[in-house]
Amino acid sequence: MAYPQNIMNMPANGSPSYPFNGQLTDNAIFQTLFNQVISIETYSDNYSDNYSKLLNYAKVDASQYGDVKLYIDTDALQSYEWGPTQAQANKLLDLVSPPDPAVQAIYLDKFRQVACTVGGLLDRRGFGSEGAFSQFNSTVLGWIADTANIFRTLYYNSYIGTHEIGTAGTKDENAMNYIINTQGDENPALTASVALADLITDVKHVSRKYNELGFLRNFKEKDLIVVWNSKYYNQLKNADELVVFKEVNMNHGLEYEVLPQDYFGKIVGESGTITIPADGTDTYRTLIEGDFTGTDGVKVHLFPSQILPAGATVNKNETYIEDDTIAFKLIAKKSTPMLSSFATSSVFVNERVHTQTHFYTFSYNTLISRKGLPFITVRFTEAPNTNG
């Protein structure tokens, strides 16, 4: 019996080779007949909206009028001793103006489009039924909105994982970017938990430490979220929780998100370009979506957070090196607004060739964190030893 090539070239696990080349199997009884395709099913569960909690908190409806949103922050006033004295009475006409507020502008300055062309006549001939063709067509067109959602989520989470304020040092040197010393620590989970608890207590206290403006303020727990690097959260939770935490919530009641370590890193520079080295010492990832060509001459299309090919020339401020020392970030849920004024669909029908091109156009902004809200990066000096 003659088997088709895709069946004969089976891998060790016994599965037919990929991709299907259209060749049917000979019928075991009738030599002039061939076994038929049972059915055609298009897998449609391609995208799940994971890791979108941060983005959902950040979304701001910017309407379709205007292009800038202003955030105004004010500082505390001053109090003074009072008494019914002549000196106090003489100051009645003195003007006591409040300090100038800080005004931060976030511009709705970016637009993207996803396009997909489908046919109406000839492409359906590749399917055995109207149902199979409709399922395939619906899945392909569904990818239009899914692609926009993928971009938004990866773009936003990459910013959260790479944005930091100032240079990392001790907590006294920079309360918004500091290092936990875990060298030789037998219980890194306990160290991380205590550091987070102390930080939450401090952020709730009135001070000028946890905003870039240096204004006097404090923050509520319900307005904060802990963003963990999965590398550490999974180690600490699964290896040490039973020993150290028992029934204690390691996030101390705060909302939290655990992001893959791919998102966490250090931006290469503020300006200029860099050619991605091939030595493999560091892992370089992109902050933008685009086409990149490596030394092998192959062009690849990447989304934010994906690994850049060696030899690609990229802008430094659009590139980051993966940094596995970042343990977690404590930020305000509204620290980094994601504006959206419109997301619209349209279709162009080309009657001459009987095709339909579907477009999905959406707006967003260059991400900028609000200077009046906390955005705190906490690092480990080294990967914690969870083996005890």
Protein backbone atom coordinates (compact mmCIF):
# COMPACT_ATOMS: atom_id res chain seq x y z
CA MET A 1 0.00 0.00 0.00
CA ALA A 2 1.40 3.38 -1.01
CA TYR A 3 1.19 6.01 1.70
CA PRO A 4 1.38 9.72 0.84
CA GLN A 5 4.58 11.52 1.68
CA ASN A 6 3.17 13.40 4.67
CA ILE A 7 2.21 10.11 6.33
CA MET A 8 5.39 8.23 5.44
CA ASN A 9 7.60 10.99 6.89
CA MET A 10 6.22 10.69 10.36
CA PRO A 11 8.31 12.00 13.27
CA ALA A 12 9.07 9.67 16.17
CA ASN A 13 5.85 10.61 17.99
CA GLY A 14 3.76 9.28 15.12
CA SER A 15 2.13 12.58 14.13
CA PRO A 16 1.90 13.50 10.43
CA SER A 17 4.36 16.13 9.28
CA TYR A 18 3.43 19.81 9.09
CA PRO A 19 2.18 21.52 7.03
CA PHE A 20 -0.53 19.52 5.27
CA ASN A 21 0.33 19.38 1.56
CA GLY A 22 -3.13 18.48 0.28
CA GLN A 23 -2.32 14.82 -0.42
CA LEU A 24 -5.01 12.31 0.45
CA THR A 25 -4.50 8.74 1.69
CA ASP A 26 -5.14 5.80 -0.63
CA ASN A 27 -8.23 3.83 0.25
CA ALA A 28 -7.33 0.47 1.77
CA ILE A 29 -9.82 -1.46 -0.45
CA PHE A 30 -10.37 0.46 -3.69
CA GLN A 31 -7.19 1.47 -5.47
CA THR A 32 -8.95 4.18 -7.51
CA LEU A 33 -10.45 5.92 -4.47
CA PHE A 34 -8.91 8.10 -1.76
CA ASN A 35 -9.96 8.67 1.82
CA GLN A 36 -11.58 12.09 2.27
CA VAL A 37 -11.09 15.04 4.62
CA ILE A 38 -13.43 14.52 7.57
CA SER A 39 -13.94 18.22 8.22
CA ILE A 40 -12.13 21.51 8.42
CA GLU A 41 -12.02 23.28 11.78
CA THR A 42 -10.31 26.60 12.42
CA TYR A 43 -8.94 27.04 15.92
CA SER A 44 -10.39 30.32 17.18
CA ASP A 45 -9.24 30.54 20.81
CA ASN A 46 -6.02 32.24 19.79
CA TYR A 47 -5.83 35.13 22.23
CA SER A 48 -6.69 35.46 25.92
CA ASP A 49 -6.61 38.87 27.51
CA ASN A 50 -4.04 37.95 30.17
CA TYR A 51 -1.85 40.48 31.96
CA SER A 52 -4.24 43.33 31.15
CA LYS A 53 -5.08 44.40 34.71
CA LEU A 54 -2.63 47.31 34.68
CA LEU A 55 -3.86 48.52 31.30
CA ASN A 56 -7.49 48.36 32.41
CA TYR A 57 -6.77 50.62 35.39
CA ALA A 58 -4.86 53.03 33.14
CA LYS A 59 -7.45 53.50 30.38
CA VAL A 60 -8.72 57.06 30.01
CA ASP A 61 -11.47 58.07 27.59
CA ALA A 62 -10.06 61.09 25.78
CA SER A 63 -13.15 61.69 23.57
CA GLN A 64 -12.68 62.77 19.94
CA TYR A 65 -12.08 66.45 20.60
CA GLY A 66 -8.75 67.96 21.58
CA ASP A 67 -5.48 66.11 21.88
CA VAL A 68 -4.02 66.86 25.32
CA LYS A 69 -5.00 65.94 28.85
CA LEU A 70 -3.68 68.11 31.67
CA TYR A 71 -2.97 66.83 35.17
CA ILE A 72 -2.65 69.51 37.84
CA ASP A 73 -0.92 68.72 41.13
CA THR A 74 -0.89 71.09 44.11
CA ASP A 75 1.32 71.16 47.18
CA ALA A 76 0.27 71.52 50.82
CA LEU A 77 -0.15 74.99 52.32
CA GLN A 78 1.41 76.20 55.58
CA SER A 79 -0.05 76.74 59.01
CA TYR A 80 1.08 79.27 61.63
CA GLU A 81 0.39 80.18 65.20
CA TRP A 82 -2.62 82.40 65.69
CA GLY A 83 -3.70 84.80 68.40
CA PRO A 84 -5.83 87.99 68.66
CA THR A 85 -2.86 90.34 68.58
CA GLN A 86 -2.32 93.66 66.86
CA ALA A 87 0.37 92.11 64.64
CA GLN A 88 -2.10 89.51 63.46
CA ALA A 89 -4.74 92.14 62.81
CA ASN A 90 -2.33 94.25 60.75
CA LYS A 91 -1.78 91.32 58.36
CA LEU A 92 -5.44 91.09 57.44
CA LEU A 93 -4.90 92.57 53.99
CA ASP A 94 -1.82 90.45 53.18
CA LEU A 95 -2.27 88.19 50.17
CA VAL A 96 -1.47 84.51 50.83
CA SER A 97 -1.47 82.94 47.40
CA PRO A 98 -1.06 79.17 47.12
CA PRO A 99 2.16 77.86 45.54
CA ASP A 100 2.09 77.49 41.77
CA PRO A 101 0.63 74.11 40.84
CA ALA A 102 2.54 71.60 38.73
CA VAL A 103 0.87 71.03 35.35
CA GLN A 104 1.74 67.93 33.34
CA ALA A 105 0.52 67.43 29.79
CA ILE A 106 -0.06 64.05 28.15
CA TYR A 107 -0.68 64.22 24.42
CA LEU A 108 -2.81 61.91 22.34
CA ASP A 109 -0.13 61.73 19.67
CA LYS A 110 -0.04 58.22 18.21
CA PHE A 111 -2.26 56.27 15.82
CA ARG A 112 -2.09 52.73 14.47
CA GLN A 113 -4.04 50.68 11.99
CA VAL A 114 -4.56 46.94 11.51
CA ALA A 115 -5.64 45.78 8.05
CA CYS A 116 -6.71 42.44 6.61
CA THR A 117 -8.00 41.56 3.12
CA VAL A 118 -10.35 38.62 2.59
CA GLY A 119 -11.92 37.38 -0.62
CA GLY A 120 -15.49 36.52 -1.35
CA LEU A 121 -15.33 34.02 -4.19
CA LEU A 122 -12.14 32.10 -4.89
CA ASP A 123 -10.87 31.59 -1.32
CA ARG A 124 -14.01 29.73 -0.25
CA ARG A 125 -13.16 26.99 -2.75
CA GLY A 126 -10.53 25.75 -0.29
CA PHE A 127 -13.24 24.74 2.19
CA GLY A 128 -15.70 21.90 2.06
CA SER A 129 -18.71 23.75 3.45
CA GLU A 130 -20.11 27.17 4.16
CA GLY A 131 -19.73 26.55 7.90
CA ALA A 132 -16.02 25.77 7.63
CA PHE A 133 -15.41 28.83 5.47
CA SER A 134 -17.40 31.12 7.78
CA GLN A 135 -15.51 29.83 10.83
CA PHE A 136 -12.17 30.52 9.13
CA ASN A 137 -13.22 33.96 7.92
CA SER A 138 -14.58 34.95 11.34
CA THR A 139 -11.36 33.86 13.03
CA VAL A 140 -9.17 35.78 10.59
CA LEU A 141 -11.24 38.96 10.94
CA GLY A 142 -11.36 38.52 14.72
CA TRP A 143 -7.57 38.81 14.74
CA ILE A 144 -7.92 42.48 13.72
CA ALA A 145 -9.22 43.64 17.11
CA ASP A 146 -7.13 41.02 18.92
CA THR A 147 -3.97 42.38 17.32
CA ALA A 148 -4.78 45.87 18.60
CA ASN A 149 -5.36 44.46 22.09
CA ILE A 150 -2.08 42.54 21.97
CA PHE A 151 -0.23 45.69 20.99
CA ARG A 152 -1.83 47.79 23.74
CA THR A 153 -1.10 45.22 26.46
CA LEU A 154 2.52 44.55 25.44
CA TYR A 155 3.21 48.25 24.87
CA TYR A 156 1.82 49.21 28.26
CA ASN A 157 3.36 46.41 30.33
CA SER A 158 6.77 46.97 28.72
CA TYR A 159 6.67 50.58 29.84
CA ILE A 160 5.69 49.63 33.39
CA GLY A 161 8.50 47.08 33.56
CA THR A 162 11.20 49.42 32.24
CA HIS A 163 10.27 52.86 33.56
CA GLU A 164 12.16 53.89 36.67
CA ILE A 165 12.93 57.13 38.42
CA GLY A 166 16.58 58.00 38.91
CA THR A 167 19.41 55.63 39.65
CA ALA A 168 19.00 52.60 41.88
CA GLY A 169 20.68 52.88 45.25
CA THR A 170 19.79 52.60 48.90
CA LYS A 171 16.34 53.58 50.10
CA ASP A 172 17.81 56.70 51.75
CA GLU A 173 19.48 57.70 48.49
CA ASN A 174 16.40 57.19 46.31
CA ALA A 175 13.12 56.13 47.85
CA MET A 176 11.62 55.63 44.37
CA ASN A 177 14.33 53.23 43.17
CA TYR A 178 16.22 51.15 45.68
CA ILE A 179 17.83 47.79 46.35
CA ILE A 180 17.00 45.09 48.89
CA ASN A 181 20.13 43.38 50.15
CA THR A 182 19.51 39.62 49.96
CA GLN A 183 23.08 38.40 49.71
CA GLY A 184 23.42 35.32 51.89
CA ASP A 185 19.76 35.57 52.89
CA GLU A 186 18.31 32.24 53.95
CA ASN A 187 14.72 33.51 53.78
CA PRO A 188 14.40 35.87 50.79
CA ALA A 189 10.62 35.62 50.92
CA LEU A 190 10.64 37.07 54.42
CA THR A 191 13.01 39.84 53.31
CA ALA A 192 10.81 40.73 50.35
CA SER A 193 7.64 40.58 52.43
CA VAL A 194 9.04 42.82 55.17
CA ALA A 195 10.39 45.27 52.58
CA LEU A 196 6.99 45.50 50.92
CA ALA A 197 5.19 45.91 54.25
CA ASP A 198 7.57 48.69 55.30
CA LEU A 199 7.16 50.37 51.93
CA ILE A 200 3.36 50.28 52.11
CA THR A 201 3.46 51.78 55.61
CA ASP A 202 5.80 54.52 54.42
CA VAL A 203 3.76 55.37 51.32
CA LYS A 204 0.66 55.77 53.49
CA HIS A 205 2.56 58.22 55.69
CA VAL A 206 2.63 61.95 54.86
CA SER A 207 5.97 62.77 53.23
CA ARG A 208 7.59 64.23 50.12
CA LYS A 209 9.47 61.05 49.16
CA TYR A 210 7.11 59.16 46.88
CA ASN A 211 6.41 61.61 44.07
CA GLU A 212 8.77 63.29 41.63
CA LEU A 213 7.39 66.73 42.42
CA GLY A 214 8.47 66.54 46.04
CA PHE A 215 4.98 67.63 47.15
CA LEU A 216 3.72 66.77 50.64
CA ARG A 217 1.20 63.95 50.34
CA ASN A 218 0.29 60.38 51.19
CA PHE A 219 -1.59 57.63 49.39
CA LYS A 220 -4.36 55.12 50.08
CA GLU A 221 -3.85 51.39 49.82
CA LYS A 222 -6.80 51.04 47.44
CA ASP A 223 -5.05 53.34 44.94
CA LEU A 224 -1.87 51.22 44.83
CA ILE A 225 -0.91 47.99 43.08
CA VAL A 226 2.13 45.71 43.44
CA VAL A 227 3.64 44.59 40.12
CA TRP A 228 5.77 41.48 40.67
CA ASN A 229 8.44 40.03 38.44
CA SER A 230 7.24 36.44 37.95
CA LYS A 231 10.78 35.14 38.38
CA TYR A 232 10.73 36.16 42.02
CA TYR A 233 7.05 35.98 42.86
CA ASN A 234 6.74 32.36 41.78
CA GLN A 235 9.92 31.39 43.63
CA LEU A 236 9.00 33.20 46.80
CA LYS A 237 5.39 32.14 46.86
CA ASN A 238 5.83 28.49 45.97
CA ALA A 239 9.16 27.77 47.68
CA ASP A 240 8.90 29.83 50.83
CA GLU A 241 5.27 30.69 51.45
CA LEU A 242 4.49 27.59 53.51
CA VAL A 243 7.56 28.08 55.67
CA VAL A 244 7.59 31.84 56.02
CA PHE A 245 4.14 33.21 55.36
CA LYS A 246 1.87 30.37 56.45
CA GLU A 247 -1.54 32.04 56.06
CA VAL A 248 -0.19 35.57 55.61
CA ASN A 249 -0.90 37.36 52.32
CA MET A 250 2.51 38.19 50.88
CA ASN A 251 1.01 41.29 49.22
CA HIS A 252 -0.38 42.54 52.56
CA GLY A 253 -3.87 43.06 51.19
CA LEU A 254 -2.85 45.14 48.20
CA GLU A 255 -3.97 44.33 44.70
CA TYR A 256 -1.20 42.83 42.64
CA GLU A 257 -0.23 41.71 39.17
CA VAL A 258 2.44 39.15 38.31
CA LEU A 259 4.08 39.90 34.96
CA PRO A 260 6.50 37.63 33.05
CA GLN A 261 10.12 38.65 33.53
CA ASP A 262 10.30 39.55 29.81
CA TYR A 263 8.74 42.92 30.65
CA PHE A 264 11.32 44.01 33.23
CA GLY A 265 14.47 45.75 32.10
CA LYS A 266 16.66 48.80 31.75
CA ILE A 267 16.26 51.16 28.76
CA VAL A 268 19.52 51.28 26.80
CA GLY A 269 19.76 55.07 26.47
CA GLU A 270 17.97 58.34 25.87
CA SER A 271 19.19 59.00 22.32
CA GLY A 272 21.22 57.53 19.48
CA THR A 273 21.21 54.04 18.01
CA ILE A 274 22.73 50.68 18.88
CA THR A 275 23.44 47.53 16.89
CA ILE A 276 22.31 44.47 18.84
CA PRO A 277 25.42 42.39 19.68
CA ALA A 278 25.59 38.69 18.95
CA ASP A 279 27.56 37.64 22.04
CA GLY A 280 24.40 36.72 23.97
CA THR A 281 25.62 38.37 27.17
CA ASP A 282 22.43 40.44 27.50
CA THR A 283 18.90 39.97 26.21
CA TYR A 284 17.75 42.98 24.18
CA ARG A 285 14.04 43.58 23.72
CA THR A 286 12.02 46.17 21.83
CA LEU A 287 9.66 48.75 23.33
CA ILE A 288 7.90 49.34 20.01
CA GLU A 289 6.24 47.26 17.31
CA GLY A 290 8.03 47.15 13.98
CA ASP A 291 10.14 45.30 11.44
CA PHE A 292 13.74 44.44 12.34
CA THR A 293 16.47 42.88 10.21
CA GLY A 294 19.36 40.95 11.77
CA THR A 295 22.74 39.94 10.42
CA ASP A 296 21.19 36.97 8.61
CA GLY A 297 19.19 39.39 6.45
CA VAL A 298 15.85 38.00 7.60
CA LYS A 299 13.22 40.61 8.44
CA VAL A 300 11.06 39.83 11.47
CA HIS A 301 8.04 41.68 12.78
CA LEU A 302 8.10 42.13 16.55
CA PHE A 303 5.73 43.42 19.19
CA PRO A 304 6.87 45.29 22.32
CA SER A 305 8.80 43.05 24.79
CA GLN A 306 9.96 40.58 22.12
CA ILE A 307 13.65 39.73 21.63
CA LEU A 308 15.54 41.71 19.00
CA PRO A 309 17.66 39.79 16.48
CA ALA A 310 21.44 40.14 16.62
CA GLY A 311 22.70 42.71 14.15
CA ALA A 312 19.55 44.83 14.10
CA THR A 313 20.13 48.57 14.40
CA VAL A 314 17.61 50.19 16.74
CA ASN A 315 17.03 53.39 18.66
CA LYS A 316 18.38 53.21 22.20
CA ASN A 317 15.28 54.79 23.77
CA GLU A 318 13.12 52.14 22.10
CA THR A 319 15.20 49.23 23.37
CA TYR A 320 15.77 47.67 26.77
CA ILE A 321 18.02 45.03 28.29
CA GLU A 322 16.25 42.43 30.39
CA ASP A 323 17.05 43.04 34.08
CA ASP A 324 16.37 40.11 36.37
CA THR A 325 17.34 42.03 39.51
CA ILE A 326 13.99 43.89 39.52
CA ALA A 327 11.84 42.16 42.13
CA PHE A 328 8.67 44.25 42.10
CA LYS A 329 7.24 47.70 41.58
CA LEU A 330 4.80 49.53 43.79
CA ILE A 331 2.86 52.04 41.73
CA ALA A 332 -0.35 54.02 41.75
CA LYS A 333 -3.02 52.38 39.60
CA LYS A 334 -3.46 55.67 37.73
CA SER A 335 0.26 56.44 37.54
CA THR A 336 0.53 56.03 33.77
CA PRO A 337 -2.59 57.04 31.79
CA MET A 338 -3.40 55.29 28.51
CA LEU A 339 -5.54 57.66 26.45
CA SER A 340 -7.91 56.58 23.73
CA SER A 341 -10.06 58.90 21.67
CA PHE A 342 -11.32 56.43 19.09
CA ALA A 343 -11.15 52.87 17.84
CA THR A 344 -13.05 52.48 14.61
CA SER A 345 -13.61 49.82 11.97
CA SER A 346 -14.11 50.33 8.26
CA VAL A 347 -14.27 48.19 5.11
CA PHE A 348 -13.14 48.85 1.55
CA VAL A 349 -14.80 46.65 -1.08
CA ASN A 350 -12.96 46.17 -4.36
CA GLU A 351 -15.67 44.97 -6.70
CA ARG A 352 -13.26 44.30 -9.54
CA VAL A 353 -11.42 41.51 -7.74
CA HIS A 354 -14.19 40.75 -5.22
CA THR A 355 -12.16 41.41 -2.09
CA GLN A 356 -12.88 43.20 1.18
CA THR A 357 -10.16 44.98 3.12
CA HIS A 358 -11.06 45.51 6.76
CA PHE A 359 -9.35 48.29 8.72
CA TYR A 360 -9.19 48.86 12.46
CA THR A 361 -7.79 52.27 13.42
CA PHE A 362 -7.08 53.34 16.99
CA SER A 363 -5.36 56.11 18.92
CA TYR A 364 -3.10 56.11 21.95
CA ASN A 365 -0.42 58.23 23.60
CA THR A 366 3.28 58.22 24.25
CA LEU A 367 3.33 56.76 27.75
CA ILE A 368 4.38 59.18 30.49
CA SER A 369 4.03 58.55 34.21
CA ARG A 370 2.45 61.23 36.33
CA LYS A 371 5.05 62.99 38.41
CA GLY A 372 2.71 63.45 41.35
CA LEU A 373 2.10 59.74 41.96
CA PRO A 374 4.35 56.95 43.26
CA PHE A 375 6.25 54.76 40.82
CA ILE A 376 8.67 52.75 42.95
CA THR A 377 11.14 50.15 41.68
CA VAL A 378 12.57 47.61 44.14
CA ARG A 379 15.51 45.35 43.26
CA PHE A 380 17.34 42.40 44.75
CA THR A 381 21.12 42.54 44.82
CA GLU A 382 21.17 39.00 43.49
CA ALA A 383 18.75 36.22 42.68
CA PRO A 384 17.46 34.98 46.05
CA ASN A 385 18.35 31.48 47.13
CA THR A 386 15.02 29.70 47.60
CA ASN A 387 16.61 26.36 48.46
CA GLY A 388 17.11 27.49 52.02
